[in-house]
């Protein structure tokens, strides 16, 4: 019997890579960007969460600036 059919296919690594690349284009690095270990360990039908990580106030302001600009403001 193939149990993989009951296991959700969450490609969280790919999602993190895409986010990291998008942030890099704007000169933003989130040092702890990765998979949240607690939600990964509790793997259920819900996907694990992306841990955006800790960053400096300067990085937070840069991220806010990029998002504001992207939203047209």
PDB file of N, CA and C in Angstrom:
ATOM      1  N   UNK A   1       0.830  -1.178   0.000  1.00  0.00           N
ATOM      2  CA  UNK A   1       0.000   0.000   0.000  1.00  0.00           C
ATOM      3  C   UNK A   1       0.879   1.249   0.000  1.00  0.00           C
ATOM      4  N   UNK A   2       0.528   2.246  -0.804  1.00  0.00           N
ATOM      5  CA  UNK A   2       1.298   3.471  -0.921  1.00  0.00           C
ATOM      6  C   UNK A   2       0.711   4.540  -0.002  1.00  0.00           C
ATOM      7  N   UNK A   3       1.410   4.828   1.110  1.00  0.00           N
ATOM      8  CA  UNK A   3       0.935   5.810   2.080  1.00  0.00           C
ATOM      9  C   UNK A   3       1.171   7.243   1.632  1.00  0.00           C
ATOM     10  N   UNK A   4       1.945   7.459   0.585  1.00  0.00           N
ATOM     11  CA  UNK A   4       2.252   8.826   0.174  1.00  0.00           C
ATOM     12  C   UNK A   4       1.034   9.546  -0.380  1.00  0.00           C
ATOM     13  N   UNK A   5       0.009   8.824  -0.785  1.00  0.00           N
ATOM     14  CA  UNK A   5      -1.190   9.467  -1.301  1.00  0.00           C
ATOM     15  C   UNK A   5      -1.927  10.240  -0.211  1.00  0.00           C
ATOM     16  N   UNK A   6      -1.778   9.827   1.034  1.00  0.00           N
ATOM     17  CA  UNK A   6      -2.436  10.491   2.149  1.00  0.00           C
ATOM     18  C   UNK A   6      -1.603  11.639   2.721  1.00  0.00           C
ATOM     19  N   UNK A   7      -0.370  11.770   2.269  1.00  0.00           N
ATOM     20  CA  UNK A   7       0.518  12.798   2.771  1.00  0.00           C
ATOM     21  C   UNK A   7       0.443  14.018   1.861  1.00  0.00           C
ATOM     22  N   UNK A   8       0.087  15.170   2.411  1.00  0.00           N
ATOM     23  CA  UNK A   8       0.034  16.372   1.580  1.00  0.00           C
ATOM     24  C   UNK A   8       1.407  16.682   0.985  1.00  0.00           C
ATOM     25  N   UNK A   9       1.422  17.193  -0.218  1.00  0.00           N
ATOM     26  CA  UNK A   9       2.665  17.527  -0.899  1.00  0.00           C
ATOM     27  C   UNK A   9       2.928  19.019  -0.750  1.00  0.00           C
ATOM     28  N   UNK A  10       3.652  19.399   0.279  1.00  0.00           N
ATOM     29  CA  UNK A  10       3.979  20.791   0.526  1.00  0.00           C
ATOM     30  C   UNK A  10       5.443  21.000   0.183  1.00  0.00           C
ATOM     31  N   UNK A  11       5.680  21.774  -0.848  1.00  0.00           N
ATOM     32  CA  UNK A  11       7.055  22.055  -1.248  1.00  0.00           C
ATOM     33  C   UNK A  11       7.500  23.356  -0.600  1.00  0.00           C
ATOM     34  N   UNK A  12       7.663  23.318   0.696  1.00  0.00           N
ATOM     35  CA  UNK A  12       8.004  24.531   1.442  1.00  0.00           C
ATOM     36  C   UNK A  12       9.398  25.025   1.092  1.00  0.00           C
ATOM     37  N   UNK A  13      10.298  24.116   0.770  1.00  0.00           N
ATOM     38  CA  UNK A  13      11.653  24.521   0.391  1.00  0.00           C
ATOM     39  C   UNK A  13      11.642  25.395  -0.848  1.00  0.00           C
ATOM     40  N   UNK A  14      10.829  25.044  -1.808  1.00  0.00           N
ATOM     41  CA  UNK A  14      10.706  25.825  -3.032  1.00  0.00           C
ATOM     42  C   UNK A  14      10.113  27.193  -2.739  1.00  0.00           C
ATOM     43  N   UNK A  15       9.107  27.247  -1.877  1.00  0.00           N
ATOM     44  CA  UNK A  15       8.486  28.522  -1.517  1.00  0.00           C
ATOM     45  C   UNK A  15       9.501  29.444  -0.840  1.00  0.00           C
ATOM     46  N   UNK A  16      10.324  28.881   0.012  1.00  0.00           N
ATOM     47  CA  UNK A  16      11.358  29.669   0.695  1.00  0.00           C
ATOM     48  C   UNK A  16      12.383  30.171  -0.306  1.00  0.00           C
ATOM     49  N   UNK A  17      12.785  29.316  -1.238  1.00  0.00           N
ATOM     50  CA  UNK A  17      13.753  29.725  -2.260  1.00  0.00           C
ATOM     51  C   UNK A  17      13.223  30.877  -3.109  1.00  0.00           C
ATOM     52  N   UNK A  18      11.938  30.804  -3.492  1.00  0.00           N
ATOM     53  CA  UNK A  18      11.330  31.858  -4.300  1.00  0.00           C
ATOM     54  C   UNK A  18      11.282  33.171  -3.512  1.00  0.00           C
ATOM     55  N   UNK A  19      10.898  33.091  -2.252  1.00  0.00           N
ATOM     56  CA  UNK A  19      10.838  34.285  -1.413  1.00  0.00           C
ATOM     57  C   UNK A  19      12.229  34.872  -1.221  1.00  0.00           C
ATOM     58  N   UNK A  20      13.212  34.031  -0.938  1.00  0.00           N
ATOM     59  CA  UNK A  20      14.586  34.505  -0.740  1.00  0.00           C
ATOM     60  C   UNK A  20      15.087  35.220  -1.999  1.00  0.00           C
ATOM     61  N   UNK A  21      14.810  34.638  -3.167  1.00  0.00           N
ATOM     62  CA  UNK A  21      15.242  35.256  -4.429  1.00  0.00           C
ATOM     63  C   UNK A  21      14.561  36.605  -4.643  1.00  0.00           C
ATOM     64  N   UNK A  22      13.270  36.688  -4.343  1.00  0.00           N
ATOM     65  CA  UNK A  22      12.535  37.945  -4.512  1.00  0.00           C
ATOM     66  C   UNK A  22      13.063  39.015  -3.565  1.00  0.00           C
ATOM     67  N   UNK A  23      13.367  38.640  -2.354  1.00  0.00           N
ATOM     68  CA  UNK A  23      13.923  39.601  -1.402  1.00  0.00           C
ATOM     69  C   UNK A  23      15.312  40.056  -1.828  1.00  0.00           C
ATOM     70  N   UNK A  24      16.103  39.134  -2.342  1.00  0.00           N
ATOM     71  CA  UNK A  24      17.465  39.443  -2.775  1.00  0.00           C
ATOM     72  C   UNK A  24      17.479  40.472  -3.896  1.00  0.00           C
ATOM     73  N   UNK A  25      16.509  40.382  -4.800  1.00  0.00           N
ATOM     74  CA  UNK A  25      16.397  41.358  -5.889  1.00  0.00           C
ATOM     75  C   UNK A  25      16.307  42.776  -5.333  1.00  0.00           C
ATOM     76  N   UNK A  26      15.713  42.915  -4.155  1.00  0.00           N
ATOM     77  CA  UNK A  26      15.535  44.218  -3.531  1.00  0.00           C
ATOM     78  C   UNK A  26      16.592  44.499  -2.463  1.00  0.00           C
ATOM     79  N   UNK A  27      17.612  43.669  -2.418  1.00  0.00           N
ATOM     80  CA  UNK A  27      18.692  43.886  -1.462  1.00  0.00           C
ATOM     81  C   UNK A  27      18.327  43.577  -0.032  1.00  0.00           C
ATOM     82  N   UNK A  28      17.349  42.692   0.162  1.00  0.00           N
ATOM     83  CA  UNK A  28      16.881  42.356   1.514  1.00  0.00           C
ATOM     84  C   UNK A  28      17.267  40.922   1.842  1.00  0.00           C
ATOM     85  N   UNK A  29      17.855  40.747   3.020  1.00  0.00           N
ATOM     86  CA  UNK A  29      18.206  39.420   3.506  1.00  0.00           C
ATOM     87  C   UNK A  29      17.568  39.213   4.867  1.00  0.00           C
ATOM     88  N   UNK A  30      16.796  38.154   4.998  1.00  0.00           N
ATOM     89  CA  UNK A  30      16.259  37.762   6.303  1.00  0.00           C
ATOM     90  C   UNK A  30      17.108  36.589   6.774  1.00  0.00           C
ATOM     91  N   UNK A  31      17.985  36.819   7.751  1.00  0.00           N
ATOM     92  CA  UNK A  31      18.969  35.812   8.142  1.00  0.00           C
ATOM     93  C   UNK A  31      18.394  34.459   8.567  1.00  0.00           C
ATOM     94  N   UNK A  32      17.244  34.470   9.186  1.00  0.00           N
ATOM     95  CA  UNK A  32      16.686  33.212   9.696  1.00  0.00           C
ATOM     96  C   UNK A  32      15.559  32.673   8.832  1.00  0.00           C
ATOM     97  N   UNK A  33      15.458  33.133   7.587  1.00  0.00           N
ATOM     98  CA  UNK A  33      14.407  32.645   6.704  1.00  0.00           C
ATOM     99  C   UNK A  33      14.544  31.140   6.544  1.00  0.00           C
ATOM    100  N   UNK A  34      13.480  30.419   6.840  1.00  0.00           N
ATOM    101  CA  UNK A  34      13.523  28.962   6.740  1.00  0.00           C
ATOM    102  C   UNK A  34      12.203  28.350   7.154  1.00  0.00           C
ATOM    103  N   UNK A  35      12.233  27.067   7.391  1.00  0.00           N
ATOM    104  CA  UNK A  35      11.045  26.329   7.814  1.00  0.00           C
ATOM    105  C   UNK A  35      10.911  26.453   9.327  1.00  0.00           C
ATOM    106  N   UNK A  36       9.709  26.761   9.803  1.00  0.00           N
ATOM    107  CA  UNK A  36       9.454  26.795  11.237  1.00  0.00           C
ATOM    108  C   UNK A  36       9.514  25.362  11.755  1.00  0.00           C
ATOM    109  N   UNK A  37      10.493  25.043  12.607  1.00  0.00           N
ATOM    110  CA  UNK A  37      10.676  23.650  13.023  1.00  0.00           C
ATOM    111  C   UNK A  37       9.501  23.075  13.818  1.00  0.00           C
ATOM    112  N   UNK A  38       8.810  23.913  14.579  1.00  0.00           N
ATOM    113  CA  UNK A  38       7.696  23.387  15.376  1.00  0.00           C
ATOM    114  C   UNK A  38       6.543  22.921  14.500  1.00  0.00           C
ATOM    115  N   UNK A  39       6.228  23.691  13.448  1.00  0.00           N
ATOM    116  CA  UNK A  39       5.125  23.278  12.580  1.00  0.00           C
ATOM    117  C   UNK A  39       5.544  22.142  11.665  1.00  0.00           C
ATOM    118  N   UNK A  40       6.828  22.050  11.361  1.00  0.00           N
ATOM    119  CA  UNK A  40       7.305  20.938  10.541  1.00  0.00           C
ATOM    120  C   UNK A  40       7.255  19.644  11.350  1.00  0.00           C
ATOM    121  N   UNK A  41       7.619  19.724  12.624  1.00  0.00           N
ATOM    122  CA  UNK A  41       7.613  18.541  13.477  1.00  0.00           C
ATOM    123  C   UNK A  41       6.200  18.030  13.715  1.00  0.00           C
ATOM    124  N   UNK A  42       5.229  18.937  13.694  1.00  0.00           N
ATOM    125  CA  UNK A  42       3.848  18.548  13.922  1.00  0.00           C
ATOM    126  C   UNK A  42       3.103  18.319  12.624  1.00  0.00           C
ATOM    127  N   UNK A  43       3.789  17.828  11.625  1.00  0.00           N
ATOM    128  CA  UNK A  43       3.238  17.626  10.280  1.00  0.00           C
ATOM    129  C   UNK A  43       1.880  16.936  10.349  1.00  0.00           C
ATOM    130  N   UNK A  44       0.884  17.626   9.845  1.00  0.00           N
ATOM    131  CA  UNK A  44      -0.467  17.076   9.787  1.00  0.00           C
ATOM    132  C   UNK A  44      -1.013  17.396   8.405  1.00  0.00           C
ATOM    133  N   UNK A  45      -2.296  17.595   8.306  1.00  0.00           N
ATOM    134  CA  UNK A  45      -2.870  17.984   7.025  1.00  0.00           C
ATOM    135  C   UNK A  45      -2.642  19.466   6.752  1.00  0.00           C
ATOM    136  N   UNK A  46      -2.163  20.204   7.736  1.00  0.00           N
ATOM    137  CA  UNK A  46      -1.843  21.615   7.552  1.00  0.00           C
ATOM    138  C   UNK A  46      -0.386  21.746   7.121  1.00  0.00           C
ATOM    139  N   UNK A  47      -0.117  22.714   6.254  1.00  0.00           N
ATOM    140  CA  UNK A  47       1.271  22.875   5.798  1.00  0.00           C
ATOM    141  C   UNK A  47       2.151  23.464   6.891  1.00  0.00           C
ATOM    142  N   UNK A  48       3.447  23.152   6.850  1.00  0.00           N
ATOM    143  CA  UNK A  48       4.363  23.798   7.794  1.00  0.00           C
ATOM    144  C   UNK A  48       4.458  25.278   7.457  1.00  0.00           C
ATOM    145  N   UNK A  49       4.844  26.071   8.439  1.00  0.00           N
ATOM    146  CA  UNK A  49       4.931  27.517   8.252  1.00  0.00           C
ATOM    147  C   UNK A  49       6.341  27.937   7.854  1.00  0.00           C
ATOM    148  N   UNK A  50       6.424  29.041   7.144  1.00  0.00           N
ATOM    149  CA  UNK A  50       7.703  29.647   6.807  1.00  0.00           C
ATOM    150  C   UNK A  50       8.063  30.602   7.941  1.00  0.00           C
ATOM    151  N   UNK A  51       9.234  30.422   8.497  1.00  0.00           N
ATOM    152  CA  UNK A  51       9.734  31.332   9.525  1.00  0.00           C
ATOM    153  C   UNK A  51      10.461  32.460   8.807  1.00  0.00           C
ATOM    154  N   UNK A  52       9.918  33.667   8.908  1.00  0.00           N
ATOM    155  CA  UNK A  52      10.524  34.789   8.205  1.00  0.00           C
ATOM    156  C   UNK A  52      11.817  35.253   8.871  1.00  0.00           C
ATOM    157  N   UNK A  53      11.982  34.918  10.097  1.00  0.00           N
ATOM    158  CA  UNK A  53      13.256  35.163  10.745  1.00  0.00           C
ATOM    159  C   UNK A  53      13.400  36.526  11.379  1.00  0.00           C
ATOM    160  N   UNK A  54      14.440  36.640  12.121  1.00  0.00           N
ATOM    161  CA  UNK A  54      14.774  37.887  12.791  1.00  0.00           C
ATOM    162  C   UNK A  54      15.523  38.787  11.812  1.00  0.00           C
ATOM    163  N   UNK A  55      15.339  40.080  11.979  1.00  0.00           N
ATOM    164  CA  UNK A  55      16.080  41.011  11.144  1.00  0.00           C
ATOM    165  C   UNK A  55      16.289  42.296  11.917  1.00  0.00           C
ATOM    166  N   UNK A  56      17.184  43.111  11.408  1.00  0.00           N
ATOM    167  CA  UNK A  56      17.445  44.400  12.035  1.00  0.00           C
ATOM    168  C   UNK A  56      16.316  45.364  11.713  1.00  0.00           C
ATOM    169  N   UNK A  57      16.263  46.456  12.467  1.00  0.00           N
ATOM    170  CA  UNK A  57      15.260  47.484  12.200  1.00  0.00           C
ATOM    171  C   UNK A  57      15.461  48.054  10.797  1.00  0.00           C
ATOM    172  N   UNK A  58      16.692  48.184  10.365  1.00  0.00           N
ATOM    173  CA  UNK A  58      16.980  48.687   9.021  1.00  0.00           C
ATOM    174  C   UNK A  58      16.383  47.763   7.956  1.00  0.00           C
ATOM    175  N   UNK A  59      16.530  46.465   8.133  1.00  0.00           N
ATOM    176  CA  UNK A  59      15.966  45.506   7.186  1.00  0.00           C
ATOM    177  C   UNK A  59      14.442  45.566   7.204  1.00  0.00           C
ATOM    178  N   UNK A  60      13.856  45.695   8.383  1.00  0.00           N
ATOM    179  CA  UNK A  60      12.395  45.798   8.483  1.00  0.00           C
ATOM    180  C   UNK A  60      11.893  47.035   7.747  1.00  0.00           C
ATOM    181  N   UNK A  61      12.596  48.168   7.899  1.00  0.00           N
ATOM    182  CA  UNK A  61      12.199  49.385   7.185  1.00  0.00           C
ATOM    183  C   UNK A  61      12.344  49.215   5.676  1.00  0.00           C
ATOM    184  N   UNK A  62      13.400  48.557   5.243  1.00  0.00           N
ATOM    185  CA  UNK A  62      13.619  48.330   3.802  1.00  0.00           C
ATOM    186  C   UNK A  62      12.511  47.436   3.243  1.00  0.00           C
ATOM    187  N   UNK A  63      12.152  46.405   3.967  1.00  0.00           N
ATOM    188  CA  UNK A  63      11.074  45.512   3.541  1.00  0.00           C
ATOM    189  C   UNK A  63       9.756  46.266   3.454  1.00  0.00           C
ATOM    190  N   UNK A  64       9.466  47.089   4.439  1.00  0.00           N
ATOM    191  CA  UNK A  64       8.243  47.890   4.424  1.00  0.00           C
ATOM    192  C   UNK A  64       8.241  48.847   3.236  1.00  0.00           C
ATOM    193  N   UNK A  65       9.385  49.433   2.939  1.00  0.00           N
ATOM    194  CA  UNK A  65       9.500  50.357   1.804  1.00  0.00           C
ATOM    195  C   UNK A  65       9.217  49.635   0.481  1.00  0.00           C
ATOM    196  N   UNK A  66       9.785  48.472   0.312  1.00  0.00           N
ATOM    197  CA  UNK A  66       9.578  47.699  -0.915  1.00  0.00           C
ATOM    198  C   UNK A  66       8.107  47.314  -1.054  1.00  0.00           C
ATOM    199  N   UNK A  67       7.495  46.880   0.018  1.00  0.00           N
ATOM    200  CA  UNK A  67       6.078  46.489  -0.034  1.00  0.00           C
ATOM    201  C   UNK A  67       5.182  47.694  -0.320  1.00  0.00           C
ATOM    202  N   UNK A  68       5.487  48.814   0.297  1.00  0.00           N
ATOM    203  CA  UNK A  68       4.708  50.036   0.072  1.00  0.00           C
ATOM    204  C   UNK A  68       4.809  50.471  -1.395  1.00  0.00           C
ATOM    205  N   UNK A  69       6.019  50.436  -1.930  1.00  0.00           N
ATOM    206  CA  UNK A  69       6.235  50.800  -3.330  1.00  0.00           C
ATOM    207  C   UNK A  69       5.490  49.844  -4.263  1.00  0.00           C
ATOM    208  N   UNK A  70       5.550  48.567  -3.979  1.00  0.00           N
ATOM    209  CA  UNK A  70       4.858  47.570  -4.801  1.00  0.00           C
ATOM    210  C   UNK A  70       3.345  47.758  -4.766  1.00  0.00           C
ATOM    211  N   UNK A  71       2.847  48.280  -3.658  1.00  0.00           N
ATOM    212  CA  UNK A  71       1.404  48.511  -3.520  1.00  0.00           C
ATOM    213  C   UNK A  71       0.983  49.846  -4.120  1.00  0.00           C
ATOM    214  N   UNK A  72       1.942  50.564  -4.645  1.00  0.00           N
ATOM    215  CA  UNK A  72       1.624  51.834  -5.279  1.00  0.00           C
ATOM    216  C   UNK A  72       1.629  53.021  -4.348  1.00  0.00           C
ATOM    217  N   UNK A  73       2.171  52.837  -3.167  1.00  0.00           N
ATOM    218  CA  UNK A  73       2.146  53.945  -2.201  1.00  0.00           C
ATOM    219  C   UNK A  73       3.478  54.315  -1.817  1.00  0.00           C
TER     220      UNK A  73
END
